[in-house]
Amino acid sequence: SKDEQQAKRRLEAWIHRYLFCPCSAVRAIAKSLVKRTDEIISCILSPYSNGKMEGTNNKIKLMKRRGYGYRNIQRFALRVRLETANILS
């Protein structure tokens, strides 16, 4: 599709621009992008994101740390449901 071709062109242009950069860290990033070009294009074209789930996991981990360990797993599960009710619905 047109979007896929445009994404490939832009990614390749970025890679070629920085592949011979004097900064070794930037060159390393460009080289890693070359290896992952197909995955990057798929990610750009995909309408899906796992951002919401990552945020939920982060919130649960934070609750666990703030609670200094829960004595009762059922109470922790209830707390998770309460805190994430608006996120997961």
Protein backbone atom coordinates (compact mmCIF):
# COMPACT_ATOMS: atom_id res chain seq x y z
CA SER A 1 0.00 0.00 0.00
CA LYS A 2 0.96 3.64 -0.30
CA ASP A 3 1.41 4.04 3.47
CA GLU A 4 3.69 1.01 3.62
CA GLN A 5 5.86 2.32 0.79
CA GLN A 6 6.06 5.74 2.40
CA ALA A 7 7.01 4.23 5.77
CA LYS A 8 9.74 2.13 4.13
CA ARG A 9 11.11 5.13 2.23
CA ARG A 10 11.22 7.32 5.33
CA LEU A 11 12.82 4.61 7.47
CA GLU A 12 15.42 3.83 4.81
CA ALA A 13 16.18 7.55 4.42
CA TRP A 14 16.72 7.87 8.17
CA ILE A 15 18.92 4.78 8.26
CA HIS A 16 21.06 5.94 5.32
CA ARG A 17 21.37 9.39 6.85
CA TYR A 18 22.78 8.06 10.13
CA LEU A 19 24.51 4.82 9.08
CA PHE A 20 27.76 6.70 8.45
CA CYS A 21 27.45 9.23 11.26
CA PRO A 22 30.71 10.01 13.11
CA CYS A 23 29.02 9.18 16.42
CA SER A 24 29.36 5.44 17.06
CA ALA A 25 26.22 5.30 19.24
CA VAL A 26 24.07 6.71 16.42
CA ARG A 27 25.65 4.28 13.92
CA ALA A 28 24.84 1.40 16.28
CA ILE A 29 21.19 2.47 16.41
CA ALA A 30 21.03 2.72 12.61
CA LYS A 31 22.57 -0.77 12.27
CA SER A 32 20.04 -2.24 14.69
CA LEU A 33 17.22 -0.61 12.70
CA VAL A 34 18.52 -2.27 9.52
CA LYS A 35 18.15 -5.68 11.21
CA ARG A 36 14.61 -4.89 12.35
CA THR A 37 13.19 -3.03 9.35
CA ASP A 38 10.27 -5.43 8.75
CA GLU A 39 9.21 -5.34 12.41
CA ILE A 40 9.41 -1.54 12.52
CA ILE A 41 7.27 -1.19 9.38
CA SER A 42 4.70 -3.61 10.84
CA CYS A 43 4.62 -1.59 14.04
CA ILE A 44 4.11 1.67 12.14
CA LEU A 45 1.25 0.23 10.08
CA SER A 46 -0.49 -1.63 12.92
CA PRO A 47 -3.44 0.12 14.54
CA TYR A 48 -2.85 -1.79 17.77
CA SER A 49 -0.77 -0.78 20.77
CA ASN A 50 0.03 -2.48 24.04
CA GLY A 51 0.45 0.87 25.80
CA LYS A 52 -2.74 0.51 27.82
CA MET A 53 -1.68 -2.91 29.12
CA GLU A 54 1.85 -1.71 29.90
CA GLY A 55 0.38 1.18 31.89
CA THR A 56 -1.87 -1.20 33.81
CA ASN A 57 1.05 -3.51 34.63
CA ASN A 58 3.07 -0.52 35.81
CA LYS A 59 0.21 0.60 38.05
CA ILE A 60 -0.10 -2.89 39.59
CA LYS A 61 3.64 -3.03 40.28
CA LEU A 62 3.47 0.38 41.93
CA MET A 63 0.58 -0.77 44.15
CA LYS A 64 2.60 -3.82 45.16
CA ARG A 65 5.61 -1.68 46.09
CA ARG A 66 3.51 0.84 47.99
CA GLY A 67 1.81 -1.93 49.94
CA TYR A 68 5.13 -3.41 51.15
CA GLY A 69 3.67 -6.83 50.42
CA TYR A 70 0.11 -7.83 51.10
CA ARG A 71 -0.58 -10.47 53.74
CA ASN A 72 -3.72 -11.55 51.95
CA ILE A 73 -3.66 -12.16 48.18
CA GLN A 74 -7.45 -11.68 47.96
CA ARG A 75 -7.14 -8.14 49.32
CA PHE A 76 -4.41 -7.37 46.83
CA ALA A 77 -6.59 -8.72 43.99
CA LEU A 78 -9.49 -6.56 45.19
CA ARG A 79 -7.20 -3.53 45.32
CA VAL A 80 -6.02 -4.20 41.76
CA ARG A 81 -9.62 -4.47 40.54
CA LEU A 82 -10.56 -1.26 42.32
CA GLU A 83 -7.59 0.73 41.00
CA THR A 84 -7.80 -0.57 37.42
CA ALA A 85 -11.59 -0.71 36.98
CA ASN A 86 -11.74 2.33 34.69
CA ILE A 87 -8.66 1.26 32.72
CA LEU A 88 -9.70 -2.30 31.91
CA SER A 89 -13.34 -1.61 31.03
